[in-house]
Amino acid sequence: MIEIRWHGRGGQGAKTAALLLADAAFAAGLYVQGFPEYGPERMGAPITAYNRLDDTAIRIHSNIYEPDIVVVVDETLIGAVDVTAGLKPGGSLVVNTGRPAEEVRAKFAGTDGVGADVSIYAVDAADISIRNLGRNLPNTPLLSVVARLTGVIGEAQFIGVMQEAYEEKFANKREVIAGNMTALKEAWNGAVLVSGDDTSGQGEEE
């Protein structure tokens, strides 16, 4: 089973990303869960969302306390929320940031749960979304990065599933579909490994 925890703020689409990832994994033939942790649902408030993906039926129905992958949708949560709590040894941490690799590494140096065996990936999801969507909506690029890291779905199938999902979701706003699809394709190969071993087939930044 692959367990994923998303940390973001209200309005950034962490819940939507978790639900779309569940749809993509389901299309790949897996059993899935995708759900938020309900709390104050105001714009900008910290929120958490979760995914479970498995090739057998999932009978756990709790929050995720020992994730394989943690996604930080908003880097201002680092230090304000214990985003790495319970991250499994050998797990992956994905951070939405445009900071240089050394600054990203420094943010987690000495953090409990982030040992040398944890792979840290940085992706400037804000920049990708602004260039392609005209707004800071980081969930779309981050969704693509996480889908690749799970290894449960190939790029072509993922893009096809997301095309169908966005055509349904934006049936009355079709002008936004192309930007979302471009953002997904760009982000699939857009994460930079800044620490640890590469689990996505991409090289570490020099």
N, C-alpha and C. Protein backbone atom coordinates (compact mmCIF):
# COMPACT_ATOMS: atom_id res chain seq x y z
N MET A 1 0.83 -1.19 0.00
CA MET A 1 0.00 0.00 0.00
C MET A 1 0.87 1.25 0.00
N ILE A 2 0.48 2.23 -0.80
CA ILE A 2 1.14 3.53 -0.81
C ILE A 2 0.23 4.52 -0.11
N GLU A 3 0.77 5.21 0.89
CA GLU A 3 0.00 6.19 1.64
C GLU A 3 0.61 7.58 1.44
N ILE A 4 -0.23 8.54 1.15
CA ILE A 4 0.20 9.90 0.80
C ILE A 4 -0.54 10.90 1.65
N ARG A 5 0.19 11.90 2.14
CA ARG A 5 -0.43 12.98 2.93
C ARG A 5 -0.10 14.32 2.28
N TRP A 6 -1.13 15.11 2.07
CA TRP A 6 -1.01 16.43 1.46
C TRP A 6 -1.19 17.50 2.51
N HIS A 7 -0.29 18.50 2.53
CA HIS A 7 -0.42 19.65 3.43
C HIS A 7 -0.54 20.91 2.59
N GLY A 8 -1.62 21.64 2.76
CA GLY A 8 -1.80 22.88 2.02
C GLY A 8 -2.63 23.86 2.81
N ARG A 9 -3.11 24.87 2.13
CA ARG A 9 -4.01 25.84 2.74
C ARG A 9 -5.31 25.87 1.94
N GLY A 10 -6.38 26.25 2.60
CA GLY A 10 -7.67 26.32 1.93
C GLY A 10 -7.60 27.17 0.68
N GLY A 11 -8.12 26.65 -0.42
CA GLY A 11 -8.12 27.37 -1.68
C GLY A 11 -7.01 26.98 -2.63
N GLN A 12 -6.05 26.15 -2.15
CA GLN A 12 -4.92 25.75 -3.01
C GLN A 12 -5.17 24.42 -3.72
N GLY A 13 -6.25 23.74 -3.39
CA GLY A 13 -6.62 22.55 -4.14
C GLY A 13 -6.03 21.25 -3.68
N ALA A 14 -5.54 21.17 -2.43
CA ALA A 14 -4.96 19.90 -1.95
C ALA A 14 -6.01 18.80 -1.95
N LYS A 15 -7.21 19.11 -1.49
CA LYS A 15 -8.28 18.10 -1.47
C LYS A 15 -8.60 17.65 -2.89
N THR A 16 -8.72 18.60 -3.81
CA THR A 16 -9.02 18.26 -5.20
C THR A 16 -7.93 17.37 -5.79
N ALA A 17 -6.66 17.69 -5.50
CA ALA A 17 -5.55 16.89 -6.02
C ALA A 17 -5.63 15.46 -5.50
N ALA A 18 -5.95 15.29 -4.22
CA ALA A 18 -6.06 13.95 -3.64
C ALA A 18 -7.18 13.16 -4.31
N LEU A 19 -8.30 13.82 -4.59
CA LEU A 19 -9.42 13.14 -5.23
C LEU A 19 -9.09 12.78 -6.67
N LEU A 20 -8.40 13.67 -7.38
CA LEU A 20 -8.02 13.39 -8.77
C LEU A 20 -6.98 12.28 -8.85
N LEU A 21 -6.05 12.24 -7.89
CA LEU A 21 -5.07 11.16 -7.86
C LEU A 21 -5.77 9.82 -7.64
N ALA A 22 -6.78 9.82 -6.76
CA ALA A 22 -7.54 8.59 -6.54
C ALA A 22 -8.23 8.14 -7.83
N ASP A 23 -8.78 9.08 -8.58
CA ASP A 23 -9.42 8.75 -9.85
C ASP A 23 -8.41 8.13 -10.83
N ALA A 24 -7.22 8.73 -10.90
CA ALA A 24 -6.20 8.23 -11.83
C ALA A 24 -5.74 6.83 -11.45
N ALA A 25 -5.52 6.60 -10.14
CA ALA A 25 -5.07 5.29 -9.69
C ALA A 25 -6.17 4.25 -9.88
N PHE A 26 -7.41 4.66 -9.68
CA PHE A 26 -8.54 3.74 -9.91
C PHE A 26 -8.58 3.31 -11.38
N ALA A 27 -8.34 4.27 -12.26
CA ALA A 27 -8.31 3.96 -13.69
C ALA A 27 -7.19 3.00 -14.04
N ALA A 28 -6.13 3.00 -13.21
CA ALA A 28 -5.01 2.08 -13.42
C ALA A 28 -5.27 0.71 -12.80
N GLY A 29 -6.46 0.53 -12.21
CA GLY A 29 -6.84 -0.77 -11.69
C GLY A 29 -6.59 -0.97 -10.21
N LEU A 30 -6.31 0.09 -9.48
CA LEU A 30 -6.02 -0.04 -8.05
C LEU A 30 -7.25 0.23 -7.19
N TYR A 31 -7.19 -0.25 -5.97
CA TYR A 31 -8.12 0.18 -4.94
C TYR A 31 -7.60 1.50 -4.38
N VAL A 32 -8.50 2.43 -4.11
CA VAL A 32 -8.04 3.78 -3.76
C VAL A 32 -8.88 4.38 -2.63
N GLN A 33 -8.26 5.33 -1.97
CA GLN A 33 -8.95 6.26 -1.07
C GLN A 33 -8.40 7.65 -1.34
N GLY A 34 -9.26 8.64 -1.28
CA GLY A 34 -8.85 10.03 -1.37
C GLY A 34 -9.81 10.85 -0.55
N PHE A 35 -9.32 11.51 0.49
CA PHE A 35 -10.23 12.21 1.40
C PHE A 35 -9.49 13.31 2.16
N PRO A 36 -10.21 14.36 2.57
CA PRO A 36 -9.60 15.42 3.36
C PRO A 36 -9.82 15.18 4.85
N GLU A 37 -9.03 15.85 5.66
CA GLU A 37 -9.30 15.92 7.10
C GLU A 37 -10.08 17.20 7.33
N TYR A 38 -11.30 17.06 7.74
CA TYR A 38 -12.16 18.23 7.86
C TYR A 38 -11.80 19.05 9.09
N GLY A 39 -11.77 20.36 8.90
CA GLY A 39 -11.49 21.31 9.96
C GLY A 39 -12.04 22.64 9.53
N PRO A 40 -11.46 23.74 10.02
CA PRO A 40 -11.92 25.06 9.56
C PRO A 40 -11.70 25.21 8.05
N GLU A 41 -12.76 25.33 7.30
CA GLU A 41 -12.66 25.35 5.84
C GLU A 41 -12.64 26.79 5.32
N ARG A 42 -11.80 27.61 5.91
CA ARG A 42 -11.71 28.99 5.45
C ARG A 42 -10.49 29.15 4.54
N MET A 43 -10.56 30.11 3.66
CA MET A 43 -9.47 30.38 2.74
C MET A 43 -8.18 30.65 3.52
N GLY A 44 -7.12 29.95 3.18
CA GLY A 44 -5.82 30.17 3.80
C GLY A 44 -5.56 29.35 5.04
N ALA A 45 -6.56 28.67 5.58
CA ALA A 45 -6.35 27.85 6.78
C ALA A 45 -5.64 26.56 6.40
N PRO A 46 -4.74 26.06 7.25
CA PRO A 46 -4.07 24.80 6.95
C PRO A 46 -5.07 23.66 6.81
N ILE A 47 -4.88 22.84 5.79
CA ILE A 47 -5.73 21.68 5.58
C ILE A 47 -4.84 20.48 5.25
N THR A 48 -5.39 19.30 5.48
CA THR A 48 -4.67 18.05 5.19
C THR A 48 -5.58 17.14 4.37
N ALA A 49 -5.00 16.48 3.40
CA ALA A 49 -5.75 15.50 2.60
C ALA A 49 -4.91 14.24 2.46
N TYR A 50 -5.55 13.13 2.10
CA TYR A 50 -4.88 11.84 2.14
C TYR A 50 -5.23 10.98 0.92
N ASN A 51 -4.30 10.09 0.59
CA ASN A 51 -4.54 9.03 -0.40
C ASN A 51 -4.01 7.71 0.12
N ARG A 52 -4.74 6.66 -0.18
CA ARG A 52 -4.22 5.29 -0.07
C ARG A 52 -4.42 4.62 -1.42
N LEU A 53 -3.38 3.92 -1.88
CA LEU A 53 -3.43 3.20 -3.16
C LEU A 53 -2.91 1.80 -2.92
N ASP A 54 -3.66 0.80 -3.39
CA ASP A 54 -3.23 -0.59 -3.17
C ASP A 54 -3.82 -1.48 -4.25
N ASP A 55 -3.19 -2.65 -4.44
CA ASP A 55 -3.72 -3.59 -5.42
C ASP A 55 -4.65 -4.60 -4.78
N THR A 56 -4.92 -4.45 -3.49
CA THR A 56 -5.93 -5.26 -2.80
C THR A 56 -6.87 -4.31 -2.05
N ALA A 57 -7.99 -4.82 -1.63
CA ALA A 57 -9.00 -3.99 -0.96
C ALA A 57 -8.41 -3.30 0.27
N ILE A 58 -8.75 -2.04 0.45
CA ILE A 58 -8.25 -1.24 1.57
C ILE A 58 -9.30 -1.23 2.66
N ARG A 59 -8.93 -1.71 3.83
CA ARG A 59 -9.90 -1.81 4.92
C ARG A 59 -9.60 -0.85 6.06
N ILE A 60 -8.59 0.00 5.88
CA ILE A 60 -8.26 1.03 6.88
C ILE A 60 -9.07 2.27 6.56
N HIS A 61 -9.63 2.90 7.58
CA HIS A 61 -10.43 4.10 7.36
C HIS A 61 -10.07 5.18 8.38
N SER A 62 -8.77 5.38 8.56
CA SER A 62 -8.29 6.41 9.48
C SER A 62 -7.48 7.43 8.70
N ASN A 63 -7.08 8.50 9.38
CA ASN A 63 -6.11 9.41 8.79
C ASN A 63 -4.79 8.66 8.61
N ILE A 64 -3.86 9.25 7.90
CA ILE A 64 -2.57 8.61 7.62
C ILE A 64 -1.51 9.22 8.52
N TYR A 65 -0.88 8.38 9.31
CA TYR A 65 0.09 8.86 10.29
C TYR A 65 1.53 8.50 9.93
N GLU A 66 1.70 7.53 9.02
CA GLU A 66 3.04 7.13 8.59
C GLU A 66 3.06 7.07 7.06
N PRO A 67 3.05 8.23 6.41
CA PRO A 67 2.96 8.25 4.94
C PRO A 67 4.24 7.82 4.25
N ASP A 68 4.08 7.31 3.03
CA ASP A 68 5.22 7.03 2.17
C ASP A 68 5.65 8.30 1.43
N ILE A 69 4.67 9.15 1.14
CA ILE A 69 4.93 10.39 0.42
C ILE A 69 4.21 11.53 1.14
N VAL A 70 4.93 12.63 1.37
CA VAL A 70 4.33 13.84 1.92
C VAL A 70 4.44 14.93 0.86
N VAL A 71 3.36 15.66 0.65
CA VAL A 71 3.34 16.76 -0.32
C VAL A 71 3.09 18.06 0.42
N VAL A 72 4.01 19.00 0.29
CA VAL A 72 3.85 20.32 0.91
C VAL A 72 3.43 21.30 -0.18
N VAL A 73 2.14 21.61 -0.21
CA VAL A 73 1.58 22.47 -1.24
C VAL A 73 1.98 23.92 -1.00
N ASP A 74 2.14 24.29 0.26
CA ASP A 74 2.50 25.67 0.64
C ASP A 74 3.69 25.62 1.58
N GLU A 75 4.84 26.12 1.14
CA GLU A 75 6.05 26.00 1.95
C GLU A 75 6.00 26.84 3.22
N THR A 76 5.08 27.80 3.33
CA THR A 76 4.97 28.56 4.58
C THR A 76 4.46 27.70 5.72
N LEU A 77 3.97 26.51 5.43
CA LEU A 77 3.54 25.59 6.48
C LEU A 77 4.71 24.91 7.17
N ILE A 78 5.87 24.90 6.52
CA ILE A 78 7.05 24.26 7.11
C ILE A 78 7.43 25.03 8.37
N GLY A 79 7.45 24.35 9.49
CA GLY A 79 7.73 24.99 10.76
C GLY A 79 6.46 25.36 11.51
N ALA A 80 5.40 25.72 10.79
CA ALA A 80 4.12 26.03 11.42
C ALA A 80 3.31 24.76 11.66
N VAL A 81 3.49 23.77 10.78
CA VAL A 81 2.83 22.47 10.89
C VAL A 81 3.92 21.41 10.78
N ASP A 82 3.78 20.33 11.54
CA ASP A 82 4.78 19.25 11.48
C ASP A 82 4.51 18.40 10.25
N VAL A 83 4.90 18.94 9.09
CA VAL A 83 4.55 18.29 7.83
C VAL A 83 5.22 16.94 7.65
N THR A 84 6.36 16.72 8.28
CA THR A 84 7.09 15.47 8.08
C THR A 84 6.78 14.42 9.15
N ALA A 85 5.84 14.69 10.03
CA ALA A 85 5.53 13.75 11.11
C ALA A 85 5.21 12.37 10.56
N GLY A 86 5.93 11.37 11.05
CA GLY A 86 5.65 10.00 10.69
C GLY A 86 6.13 9.55 9.32
N LEU A 87 6.79 10.44 8.56
CA LEU A 87 7.24 10.06 7.22
C LEU A 87 8.14 8.83 7.30
N LYS A 88 7.80 7.81 6.51
CA LYS A 88 8.50 6.54 6.61
C LYS A 88 9.95 6.65 6.15
N PRO A 89 10.87 5.91 6.76
CA PRO A 89 12.23 5.82 6.24
C PRO A 89 12.20 5.39 4.78
N GLY A 90 12.96 6.07 3.94
CA GLY A 90 12.95 5.76 2.53
C GLY A 90 11.81 6.41 1.77
N GLY A 91 11.03 7.24 2.47
CA GLY A 91 9.90 7.90 1.84
C GLY A 91 10.32 9.10 1.01
N SER A 92 9.33 9.79 0.45
CA SER A 92 9.58 10.93 -0.41
C SER A 92 8.83 12.15 0.11
N LEU A 93 9.47 13.30 -0.04
CA LEU A 93 8.91 14.58 0.37
C LEU A 93 8.91 15.50 -0.84
N VAL A 94 7.74 16.00 -1.23
CA VAL A 94 7.61 16.87 -2.39
C VAL A 94 7.22 18.26 -1.90
N VAL A 95 8.02 19.27 -2.28
CA VAL A 95 7.80 20.62 -1.79
C VAL A 95 7.57 21.57 -2.97
N ASN A 96 6.51 22.33 -2.89
CA ASN A 96 6.25 23.38 -3.87
C ASN A 96 7.10 24.59 -3.51
N THR A 97 8.17 24.81 -4.24
CA THR A 97 9.08 25.91 -3.94
C THR A 97 9.92 26.24 -5.16
N GLY A 98 10.31 27.50 -5.24
CA GLY A 98 11.24 27.92 -6.27
C GLY A 98 12.61 28.21 -5.70
N ARG A 99 12.84 27.84 -4.45
CA ARG A 99 14.12 28.10 -3.79
C ARG A 99 15.22 27.19 -4.32
N PRO A 100 16.47 27.63 -4.23
CA PRO A 100 17.59 26.77 -4.63
C PRO A 100 17.66 25.51 -3.77
N ALA A 101 18.29 24.49 -4.32
CA ALA A 101 18.36 23.19 -3.65
C ALA A 101 18.91 23.28 -2.24
N GLU A 102 19.99 24.07 -2.05
CA GLU A 102 20.61 24.13 -0.72
C GLU A 102 19.67 24.74 0.31
N GLU A 103 18.82 25.67 -0.11
CA GLU A 103 17.86 26.27 0.83
C GLU A 103 16.77 25.28 1.19
N VAL A 104 16.34 24.48 0.23
CA VAL A 104 15.33 23.47 0.52
C VAL A 104 15.88 22.44 1.49
N ARG A 105 17.11 21.99 1.23
CA ARG A 105 17.74 21.02 2.15
C ARG A 105 17.86 21.60 3.55
N ALA A 106 18.23 22.88 3.64
CA ALA A 106 18.43 23.52 4.94
C ALA A 106 17.13 23.59 5.74
N LYS A 107 16.02 23.73 5.07
CA LYS A 107 14.74 23.82 5.75
C LYS A 107 14.42 22.55 6.54
N PHE A 108 14.96 21.43 6.08
CA PHE A 108 14.64 20.16 6.72
C PHE A 108 15.83 19.53 7.44
N ALA A 109 16.95 20.21 7.47
CA ALA A 109 18.14 19.68 8.14
C ALA A 109 17.84 19.46 9.63
N GLY A 110 18.07 18.25 10.09
CA GLY A 110 17.84 17.93 11.49
C GLY A 110 16.39 17.72 11.87
N THR A 111 15.49 17.77 10.89
CA THR A 111 14.07 17.57 11.18
C THR A 111 13.79 16.11 11.46
N ASP A 112 13.03 15.84 12.53
CA ASP A 112 12.65 14.47 12.82
C ASP A 112 11.91 13.88 11.64
N GLY A 113 12.26 12.66 11.26
CA GLY A 113 11.58 11.99 10.17
C GLY A 113 12.18 12.24 8.81
N VAL A 114 13.16 13.16 8.73
CA VAL A 114 13.78 13.44 7.43
C VAL A 114 15.25 13.07 7.51
N GLY A 115 15.53 11.77 7.44
CA GLY A 115 16.89 11.29 7.46
C GLY A 115 17.48 11.30 6.07
N ALA A 116 18.70 10.82 5.99
CA ALA A 116 19.41 10.80 4.70
C ALA A 116 18.73 9.89 3.69
N ASP A 117 17.89 8.97 4.18
CA ASP A 117 17.23 8.03 3.27
C ASP A 117 15.91 8.58 2.71
N VAL A 118 15.53 9.78 3.11
CA VAL A 118 14.31 10.40 2.58
C VAL A 118 14.67 11.22 1.34
N SER A 119 13.93 11.01 0.28
CA SER A 119 14.16 11.74 -0.97
C SER A 119 13.32 13.01 -0.96
N ILE A 120 13.99 14.16 -1.14
CA ILE A 120 13.29 15.44 -1.16
C ILE A 120 13.28 15.98 -2.58
N TYR A 121 12.09 16.26 -3.07
CA TYR A 121 11.92 16.82 -4.42
C TYR A 121 11.36 18.23 -4.32
N ALA A 122 11.88 19.12 -5.12
CA ALA A 122 11.38 20.48 -5.20
C ALA A 122 10.81 20.71 -6.59
N VAL A 123 9.65 21.33 -6.65
CA VAL A 123 9.05 21.70 -7.93
C VAL A 123 8.39 23.06 -7.76
N ASP A 124 8.65 23.96 -8.68
CA ASP A 124 8.06 25.29 -8.60
C ASP A 124 6.67 25.23 -9.22
N ALA A 125 5.75 24.62 -8.47
CA ALA A 125 4.39 24.44 -8.96
C ALA A 125 3.67 25.77 -9.14
N ALA A 126 4.03 26.74 -8.31
CA ALA A 126 3.42 28.07 -8.44
C ALA A 126 3.78 28.68 -9.80
N ASP A 127 5.04 28.60 -10.16
CA ASP A 127 5.48 29.17 -11.44
C ASP A 127 4.83 28.44 -12.61
N ILE A 128 4.79 27.12 -12.54
CA ILE A 128 4.18 26.34 -13.63
C ILE A 128 2.71 26.71 -13.80
N SER A 129 2.00 26.84 -12.69
CA SER A 129 0.57 27.14 -12.79
C SER A 129 0.33 28.57 -13.25
N ILE A 130 1.12 29.52 -12.78
CA ILE A 130 0.93 30.91 -13.19
C ILE A 130 1.18 31.06 -14.69
N ARG A 131 2.24 30.41 -15.19
CA ARG A 131 2.55 30.52 -16.62
C ARG A 131 1.50 29.87 -17.50
N ASN A 132 0.91 28.77 -17.02
CA ASN A 132 -0.01 28.02 -17.87
C ASN A 132 -1.48 28.28 -17.58
N LEU A 133 -1.78 28.73 -16.37
CA LEU A 133 -3.17 28.93 -15.98
C LEU A 133 -3.49 30.38 -15.65
N GLY A 134 -2.43 31.20 -15.51
CA GLY A 134 -2.65 32.60 -15.18
C GLY A 134 -2.95 32.84 -13.72
N ARG A 135 -2.90 31.79 -12.90
CA ARG A 135 -3.17 31.89 -11.46
C ARG A 135 -2.28 30.93 -10.71
N ASN A 136 -2.07 31.24 -9.42
CA ASN A 136 -1.28 30.36 -8.57
C ASN A 136 -2.17 29.23 -8.05
N LEU A 137 -2.23 28.15 -8.82
CA LEU A 137 -3.01 26.96 -8.46
C LEU A 137 -2.06 25.77 -8.50
N PRO A 138 -1.28 25.57 -7.44
CA PRO A 138 -0.19 24.59 -7.48
C PRO A 138 -0.63 23.14 -7.47
N ASN A 139 -1.92 22.88 -7.20
CA ASN A 139 -2.32 21.48 -7.08
C ASN A 139 -2.17 20.69 -8.37
N THR A 140 -2.40 21.33 -9.52
CA THR A 140 -2.30 20.61 -10.79
C THR A 140 -0.88 20.11 -11.05
N PRO A 141 0.16 20.97 -10.99
CA PRO A 141 1.52 20.45 -11.19
C PRO A 141 1.92 19.42 -10.13
N LEU A 142 1.56 19.65 -8.87
CA LEU A 142 1.94 18.71 -7.82
C LEU A 142 1.28 17.36 -8.01
N LEU A 143 0.06 17.35 -8.48
CA LEU A 143 -0.63 16.09 -8.78
C LEU A 143 0.17 15.26 -9.76
N SER A 144 0.72 15.89 -10.78
CA SER A 144 1.49 15.18 -11.79
C SER A 144 2.77 14.60 -11.19
N VAL A 145 3.46 15.39 -10.38
CA VAL A 145 4.70 14.92 -9.74
C VAL A 145 4.42 13.71 -8.86
N VAL A 146 3.37 13.78 -8.06
CA VAL A 146 3.05 12.68 -7.14
C VAL A 146 2.63 11.44 -7.91
N ALA A 147 1.85 11.61 -8.96
CA ALA A 147 1.45 10.45 -9.77
C ALA A 147 2.68 9.72 -10.29
N ARG A 148 3.69 10.48 -10.73
CA ARG A 148 4.91 9.83 -11.22
C ARG A 148 5.65 9.12 -10.09
N LEU A 149 5.73 9.75 -8.94
CA LEU A 149 6.46 9.15 -7.82
C LEU A 149 5.83 7.84 -7.35
N THR A 150 4.52 7.74 -7.43
CA THR A 150 3.88 6.50 -6.98
C THR A 150 4.26 5.32 -7.86
N GLY A 151 4.51 5.57 -9.14
CA GLY A 151 4.85 4.50 -10.06
C GLY A 151 3.69 3.60 -10.44
N VAL A 152 2.46 3.98 -10.08
CA VAL A 152 1.32 3.11 -10.33
C VAL A 152 0.66 3.37 -11.68
N ILE A 153 1.04 4.46 -12.34
CA ILE A 153 0.41 4.80 -13.61
C ILE A 153 1.45 5.46 -14.52
N GLY A 154 1.43 5.11 -15.78
CA GLY A 154 2.36 5.70 -16.73
C GLY A 154 1.90 7.07 -17.18
N GLU A 155 2.82 7.81 -17.79
CA GLU A 155 2.50 9.19 -18.18
C GLU A 155 1.34 9.26 -19.16
N ALA A 156 1.36 8.42 -20.20
CA ALA A 156 0.32 8.50 -21.22
C ALA A 156 -1.06 8.21 -20.64
N GLN A 157 -1.15 7.17 -19.80
CA GLN A 157 -2.43 6.83 -19.21
C GLN A 157 -2.89 7.94 -18.25
N PHE A 158 -1.96 8.47 -17.47
CA PHE A 158 -2.28 9.54 -16.52
C PHE A 158 -2.83 10.76 -17.26
N ILE A 159 -2.14 11.16 -18.32
CA ILE A 159 -2.58 12.34 -19.08
C ILE A 159 -3.96 12.08 -19.69
N GLY A 160 -4.19 10.87 -20.18
CA GLY A 160 -5.49 10.55 -20.75
C GLY A 160 -6.61 10.60 -19.72
N VAL A 161 -6.35 10.05 -18.54
CA VAL A 161 -7.35 10.08 -17.47
C VAL A 161 -7.64 11.51 -17.05
N MET A 162 -6.60 12.32 -16.94
CA MET A 162 -6.79 13.70 -16.50
C MET A 162 -7.50 14.53 -17.57
N GLN A 163 -7.25 14.23 -18.84
CA GLN A 163 -7.96 14.93 -19.91
C GLN A 163 -9.47 14.71 -19.75
N GLU A 164 -9.86 13.46 -19.51
CA GLU A 164 -11.28 13.16 -19.33
C GLU A 164 -11.83 13.83 -18.08
N ALA A 165 -11.04 13.81 -17.00
CA ALA A 165 -11.51 14.41 -15.74
C ALA A 165 -11.71 15.91 -15.89
N TYR A 166 -10.77 16.59 -16.55
CA TYR A 166 -10.88 18.04 -16.71
C TYR A 166 -12.00 18.41 -17.69
N GLU A 167 -12.21 17.59 -18.70
CA GLU A 167 -13.31 17.87 -19.63
C GLU A 167 -14.65 17.80 -18.92
N GLU A 168 -14.76 16.89 -17.96
CA GLU A 168 -15.99 16.81 -17.17
C GLU A 168 -16.07 17.93 -16.15
N LYS A 169 -14.96 18.17 -15.45
CA LYS A 169 -14.94 19.18 -14.39
C LYS A 169 -15.16 20.59 -14.94
N PHE A 170 -14.57 20.85 -16.12
CA PHE A 170 -14.64 22.20 -16.69
C PHE A 170 -15.49 22.22 -17.96
N ALA A 171 -16.59 21.47 -17.94
CA ALA A 171 -17.46 21.39 -19.12
C ALA A 171 -17.97 22.77 -19.54
N ASN A 172 -18.14 23.66 -18.56
CA ASN A 172 -18.63 25.00 -18.86
C ASN A 172 -17.52 26.05 -18.88
N LYS A 173 -16.27 25.61 -18.73
CA LYS A 173 -15.12 26.53 -18.76
C LYS A 173 -14.00 25.87 -19.55
N ARG A 174 -14.31 25.46 -20.77
CA ARG A 174 -13.38 24.65 -21.54
C ARG A 174 -12.07 25.39 -21.85
N GLU A 175 -12.08 26.71 -21.72
CA GLU A 175 -10.87 27.47 -22.02
C GLU A 175 -9.74 27.19 -21.03
N VAL A 176 -10.04 26.62 -19.86
CA VAL A 176 -8.99 26.36 -18.87
C VAL A 176 -8.40 24.96 -19.03
N ILE A 177 -9.01 24.11 -19.86
CA ILE A 177 -8.55 22.72 -19.96
C ILE A 177 -7.14 22.64 -20.53
N ALA A 178 -6.87 23.37 -21.60
CA ALA A 178 -5.56 23.29 -22.24
C ALA A 178 -4.45 23.69 -21.30
N GLY A 179 -4.65 24.76 -20.51
CA GLY A 179 -3.63 25.20 -19.56
C GLY A 179 -3.35 24.17 -18.49
N ASN A 180 -4.41 23.53 -18.00
CA ASN A 180 -4.22 22.48 -17.00
C ASN A 180 -3.46 21.31 -17.57
N MET A 181 -3.77 20.92 -18.80
CA MET A 181 -3.08 19.78 -19.40
C MET A 181 -1.61 20.10 -19.65
N THR A 182 -1.31 21.33 -20.09
CA THR A 182 0.09 21.72 -20.29
C THR A 182 0.84 21.71 -18.97
N ALA A 183 0.21 22.20 -17.90
CA ALA A 183 0.84 22.20 -16.59
C ALA A 183 1.14 20.79 -16.11
N LEU A 184 0.22 19.86 -16.33
CA LEU A 184 0.44 18.47 -15.95
C LEU A 184 1.62 17.87 -16.69
N LYS A 185 1.68 18.10 -18.00
CA LYS A 185 2.75 17.52 -18.81
C LYS A 185 4.11 18.10 -18.42
N GLU A 186 4.15 19.41 -18.17
CA GLU A 186 5.41 20.04 -17.80
C GLU A 186 5.89 19.53 -16.44
N ALA A 187 4.98 19.36 -15.51
CA ALA A 187 5.37 18.97 -14.16
C ALA A 187 5.75 17.51 -14.04
N TRP A 188 5.29 16.65 -14.96
CA TRP A 188 5.61 15.22 -14.89
C TRP A 188 7.13 15.03 -14.78
N ASN A 189 7.88 15.81 -15.51
CA ASN A 189 9.35 15.73 -15.47
C ASN A 189 9.97 16.95 -14.79
N GLY A 190 9.15 17.71 -14.05
CA GLY A 190 9.61 19.00 -13.56
C GLY A 190 10.18 19.03 -12.17
N ALA A 191 10.08 17.94 -11.40
CA ALA A 191 10.60 17.94 -10.04
C ALA A 191 12.10 17.72 -10.04
N VAL A 192 12.79 18.43 -9.15
CA VAL A 192 14.25 18.30 -9.00
C VAL A 192 14.55 17.60 -7.68
N LEU A 193 15.34 16.56 -7.73
CA LEU A 193 15.78 15.88 -6.51
C LEU A 193 16.84 16.73 -5.83
N VAL A 194 16.58 17.16 -4.61
CA VAL A 194 17.53 18.01 -3.90
C VAL A 194 18.23 17.27 -2.76
N SER A 195 17.73 16.09 -2.39
CA SER A 195 18.37 15.31 -1.33
C SER A 195 17.87 13.88 -1.39
N GLY A 196 18.76 12.93 -1.07
CA GLY A 196 18.37 11.53 -1.01
C GLY A 196 18.51 10.82 -2.34
N ASP A 197 17.94 9.62 -2.42
CA ASP A 197 18.01 8.80 -3.62
C ASP A 197 16.82 9.08 -4.52
N ASP A 198 17.07 9.03 -5.81
CA ASP A 198 16.02 9.30 -6.77
C ASP A 198 15.10 8.10 -6.90
N THR A 199 13.80 8.33 -6.71
CA THR A 199 12.82 7.26 -6.86
C THR A 199 11.92 7.48 -8.07
N SER A 200 12.24 8.52 -8.87
CA SER A 200 11.37 8.84 -9.99
C SER A 200 12.05 8.68 -11.34
N GLY A 201 13.32 8.29 -11.32
CA GLY A 201 14.05 8.16 -12.58
C GLY A 201 14.66 9.46 -13.06
N GLN A 202 14.63 10.50 -12.21
CA GLN A 202 15.23 11.77 -12.57
C GLN A 202 16.57 11.93 -11.83
N GLY A 203 17.41 12.76 -12.35
CA GLY A 203 18.72 12.94 -11.75
C GLY A 203 18.74 13.99 -10.66
N GLU A 204 19.71 13.89 -9.78
CA GLU A 204 19.86 14.87 -8.71
C GLU A 204 20.50 16.14 -9.24
N GLU A 205 20.06 17.27 -8.67
CA GLU A 205 20.64 18.56 -9.08
C GLU A 205 22.08 18.62 -8.62
N GLU A 206 22.93 19.12 -9.50
CA GLU A 206 24.35 19.24 -9.16
C GLU A 206 24.57 20.35 -8.14
